[in-house]
Amino acid sequence: MNDKIGFILKVIGASALVSIFIKFIGPKLLISATPTNALIAVLGVPLVVAIALIGRGFQRNDPSSTNY
């Protein structure tokens, strides 16, 4: 049970740090509002997650892998 609570607290802490970064440091970054930057911001994270999951799927289906 403590593992679940610890994981939830870590996620909440990481979320709070990202939120603080966006609120205070984000406006100081010199990123212009262009359609290309918007697409990178919107599609960047899902692409990284998709690549990670595809790689994990290939690793799991590999018969020489010892991760069970």
Protein backbone atom coordinates (compact mmCIF):
# COMPACT_ATOMS: atom_id res chain seq x y z
CA MET A 1 0.00 0.00 0.00
CA ASN A 2 2.87 2.38 0.77
CA ASP A 3 4.29 1.80 -2.70
CA LYS A 4 1.10 3.11 -4.28
CA ILE A 5 0.99 6.15 -2.03
CA GLY A 6 4.67 6.84 -2.69
CA PHE A 7 4.14 6.61 -6.44
CA ILE A 8 1.15 8.95 -6.30
CA LEU A 9 3.12 11.46 -4.22
CA LYS A 10 6.00 11.33 -6.71
CA VAL A 11 3.63 11.98 -9.62
CA ILE A 12 1.99 14.88 -7.76
CA GLY A 13 5.41 16.31 -6.88
CA ALA A 14 6.66 16.06 -10.46
CA SER A 15 3.45 17.67 -11.69
CA ALA A 16 3.86 20.53 -9.23
CA LEU A 17 7.47 21.11 -10.35
CA VAL A 18 6.45 21.20 -14.01
CA SER A 19 3.62 23.59 -13.17
CA ILE A 20 5.96 25.93 -11.28
CA PHE A 21 8.46 25.79 -14.14
CA ILE A 22 5.78 26.70 -16.67
CA LYS A 23 4.40 29.51 -14.52
CA PHE A 24 7.65 31.24 -13.60
CA ILE A 25 10.27 30.24 -16.17
CA GLY A 26 8.06 29.60 -19.21
CA PRO A 27 7.24 33.25 -19.92
CA LYS A 28 10.95 34.13 -19.88
CA LEU A 29 11.72 31.72 -22.72
CA LEU A 30 11.94 33.37 -26.10
CA ILE A 31 9.79 31.00 -28.14
CA SER A 32 7.79 32.63 -30.91
CA ALA A 33 4.16 31.67 -31.41
CA THR A 34 4.32 29.93 -34.77
CA PRO A 35 2.28 27.00 -36.09
CA THR A 36 5.43 24.87 -36.21
CA ASN A 37 6.19 25.45 -32.53
CA ALA A 38 2.56 24.70 -31.65
CA LEU A 39 2.70 21.40 -33.53
CA ILE A 40 5.96 20.46 -31.82
CA ALA A 41 4.45 21.23 -28.41
CA VAL A 42 1.23 19.32 -29.09
CA LEU A 43 2.63 16.30 -30.94
CA GLY A 44 6.04 15.99 -29.28
CA VAL A 45 5.08 14.12 -26.13
CA PRO A 46 2.68 11.64 -27.79
CA LEU A 47 5.33 10.81 -30.39
CA VAL A 48 7.94 10.14 -27.71
CA VAL A 49 5.50 7.93 -25.78
CA ALA A 50 4.53 6.06 -28.96
CA ILE A 51 8.17 5.41 -29.83
CA ALA A 52 8.85 4.17 -26.31
CA LEU A 53 5.85 1.84 -26.36
CA ILE A 54 6.72 0.47 -29.80
CA GLY A 55 10.27 -0.19 -28.64
CA ARG A 56 8.97 -1.88 -25.51
CA GLY A 57 6.64 -4.04 -27.62
CA PHE A 58 9.51 -5.19 -29.81
CA GLN A 59 11.60 -5.93 -26.74
CA ARG A 60 8.80 -7.95 -25.19
CA ASN A 61 8.23 -10.04 -28.34
CA ASP A 62 11.94 -10.77 -28.80
CA PRO A 63 12.51 -14.50 -28.02
CA SER A 64 16.09 -13.83 -26.94
CA SER A 65 14.90 -11.35 -24.30
CA THR A 66 15.10 -12.62 -20.73
CA ASN A 67 12.59 -10.06 -19.35
CA TYR A 68 9.56 -12.02 -18.24
